[in-house]
Structure formats: C-alpha cells, structure tokens
Amino acid sequence: MYKPRRHFLGTEKVAILKRHLIDKVPVSDLCDELDLYPNQLYGWLKDFFENGHAATNTESRKHESTKERKHETKA
C-alpha cells in the first residue's frame, strides 16, 4: 500500500530533536509516535550537529540583514 511522503519543516525537526536530546525521549518512542524510521531521525541529528555553526554564527546574520536592508531601500 502506498503512503504519501511527509515533509517536516526545519522547526519541526528541531522540536523533535529537542525532545530526544533535552527531554531524553528515546528514539524508539519518537519513531513510534511520529511514524518515522530511526535512520531518518539519526540523519536529522547528523545534519543538526554538522550545521549547528550556522545557527550560532552571528556575523553572517548581521551581514545578511544589512544586505536585505540595502535591497529594500533600492526597491
């Protein structure tokens, strides 16, 4: 039987990972509750730790907001 593919937003993925990392909810419980495969959740976890520096890099956010302001004033 065909199951449609579900897509999770980044904020949803982070909330799920937070439940595992902070609230200590086991992966098996999360997977049962959300109908996920464990390798999918572990993939999100890997991406989260590999790209965590982007969330904490304040200089790039300052640079992006400056570029956005310049673009808005030209339009």
C-alpha atoms as a PDB file:
ATOM      1  CA  MET A   1       0.000   0.000   0.000  1.00  0.00           C
ATOM      2  CA  TYR A   2       1.271   3.462  -0.923  1.00  0.00           C
ATOM      3  CA  LYS A   3       1.891   6.007   1.846  1.00  0.00           C
ATOM      4  CA  PRO A   4       2.308   9.616   0.764  1.00  0.00           C
ATOM      5  CA  ARG A   5       5.666  11.157   1.567  1.00  0.00           C
ATOM      6  CA  ARG A   6       5.627  13.536   4.511  1.00  0.00           C
ATOM      7  CA  HIS A   7       7.803  16.604   4.761  1.00  0.00           C
ATOM      8  CA  PHE A   8       8.828  18.133   8.053  1.00  0.00           C
ATOM      9  CA  LEU A   9       9.748  21.787   8.377  1.00  0.00           C
ATOM     10  CA  GLY A  10      13.086  22.659   9.921  1.00  0.00           C
ATOM     11  CA  THR A  11      11.378  23.937  13.050  1.00  0.00           C
ATOM     12  CA  GLU A  12       9.503  20.648  13.409  1.00  0.00           C
ATOM     13  CA  LYS A  13      12.716  18.661  13.043  1.00  0.00           C
ATOM     14  CA  VAL A  14      14.436  20.777  15.683  1.00  0.00           C
ATOM     15  CA  ALA A  15      11.483  20.331  18.058  1.00  0.00           C
ATOM     16  CA  ILE A  16      11.642  16.556  17.590  1.00  0.00           C
ATOM     17  CA  LEU A  17      15.411  16.506  18.139  1.00  0.00           C
ATOM     18  CA  LYS A  18      14.990  18.690  21.208  1.00  0.00           C
ATOM     19  CA  ARG A  19      12.587  16.159  22.692  1.00  0.00           C
ATOM     20  CA  HIS A  20      15.244  13.490  22.220  1.00  0.00           C
ATOM     21  CA  LEU A  21      18.273  15.479  23.378  1.00  0.00           C
ATOM     22  CA  ILE A  22      16.821  17.634  26.154  1.00  0.00           C
ATOM     23  CA  ASP A  23      13.747  15.740  27.341  1.00  0.00           C
ATOM     24  CA  LYS A  24      15.530  12.355  26.956  1.00  0.00           C
ATOM     25  CA  VAL A  25      12.684  10.780  24.967  1.00  0.00           C
ATOM     26  CA  PRO A  26      14.057   7.559  23.425  1.00  0.00           C
ATOM     27  CA  VAL A  27      14.405   7.402  19.638  1.00  0.00           C
ATOM     28  CA  SER A  28      12.182   4.333  19.551  1.00  0.00           C
ATOM     29  CA  ASP A  29       9.351   6.191  21.308  1.00  0.00           C
ATOM     30  CA  LEU A  30       9.632   9.181  18.961  1.00  0.00           C
ATOM     31  CA  CYS A  31       9.663   6.929  15.912  1.00  0.00           C
ATOM     32  CA  ASP A  32       6.599   5.018  17.087  1.00  0.00           C
ATOM     33  CA  GLU A  33       4.744   8.216  17.935  1.00  0.00           C
ATOM     34  CA  LEU A  34       5.577  10.070  14.711  1.00  0.00           C
ATOM     35  CA  ASP A  35       5.733   7.056  12.375  1.00  0.00           C
ATOM     36  CA  LEU A  36       9.393   7.675  11.476  1.00  0.00           C
ATOM     37  CA  TYR A  37      12.259   5.358  10.698  1.00  0.00           C
ATOM     38  CA  PRO A  38      15.151   5.598  13.174  1.00  0.00           C
ATOM     39  CA  ASN A  39      17.664   6.224  10.374  1.00  0.00           C
ATOM     40  CA  GLN A  40      15.632   9.272   9.325  1.00  0.00           C
ATOM     41  CA  LEU A  41      15.844  10.749  12.818  1.00  0.00           C
ATOM     42  CA  TYR A  42      19.552   9.946  13.082  1.00  0.00           C
ATOM     43  CA  GLY A  43      20.086  11.657   9.712  1.00  0.00           C
ATOM     44  CA  TRP A  44      18.429  14.800  11.050  1.00  0.00           C
ATOM     45  CA  LEU A  45      20.623  14.578  14.136  1.00  0.00           C
ATOM     46  CA  LYS A  46      23.758  14.297  11.995  1.00  0.00           C
ATOM     47  CA  ASP A  47      22.719  17.309   9.876  1.00  0.00           C
ATOM     48  CA  PHE A  48      21.886  19.267  13.008  1.00  0.00           C
ATOM     49  CA  PHE A  49      25.342  18.764  14.516  1.00  0.00           C
ATOM     50  CA  GLU A  50      27.189  19.281  11.240  1.00  0.00           C
ATOM     51  CA  ASN A  51      25.402  22.583  10.539  1.00  0.00           C
ATOM     52  CA  GLY A  52      24.994  23.884  14.078  1.00  0.00           C
ATOM     53  CA  HIS A  53      27.669  26.505  13.488  1.00  0.00           C
ATOM     54  CA  ALA A  54      25.343  28.282  11.032  1.00  0.00           C
ATOM     55  CA  ALA A  55      22.778  28.872  13.774  1.00  0.00           C
ATOM     56  CA  THR A  56      25.348  30.394  16.106  1.00  0.00           C
ATOM     57  CA  ASN A  57      27.250  32.454  13.538  1.00  0.00           C
ATOM     58  CA  THR A  58      26.052  35.994  14.312  1.00  0.00           C
ATOM     59  CA  GLU A  59      28.329  37.706  11.778  1.00  0.00           C
ATOM     60  CA  SER A  60      26.655  36.063   8.791  1.00  0.00           C
ATOM     61  CA  ARG A  61      23.224  37.051  10.129  1.00  0.00           C
ATOM     62  CA  LYS A  62      24.356  40.652  10.559  1.00  0.00           C
ATOM     63  CA  HIS A  63      25.742  40.645   7.026  1.00  0.00           C
ATOM     64  CA  GLU A  64      22.536  39.157   5.613  1.00  0.00           C
ATOM     65  CA  SER A  65      20.315  41.663   7.404  1.00  0.00           C
ATOM     66  CA  THR A  66      22.453  44.538   6.081  1.00  0.00           C
ATOM     67  CA  LYS A  67      22.126  43.173   2.534  1.00  0.00           C
ATOM     68  CA  GLU A  68      18.366  42.839   2.974  1.00  0.00           C
ATOM     69  CA  ARG A  69      18.053  46.437   4.185  1.00  0.00           C
ATOM     70  CA  LYS A  70      20.034  47.716   1.210  1.00  0.00           C
ATOM     71  CA  HIS A  71      17.861  45.690  -1.165  1.00  0.00           C
ATOM     72  CA  GLU A  72      14.657  47.020   0.454  1.00  0.00           C
ATOM     73  CA  THR A  73      15.763  50.651   0.197  1.00  0.00           C
ATOM     74  CA  LYS A  74      16.586  50.271  -3.526  1.00  0.00           C
ATOM     75  CA  ALA A  75      13.196  48.769  -4.347  1.00  0.00           C
END
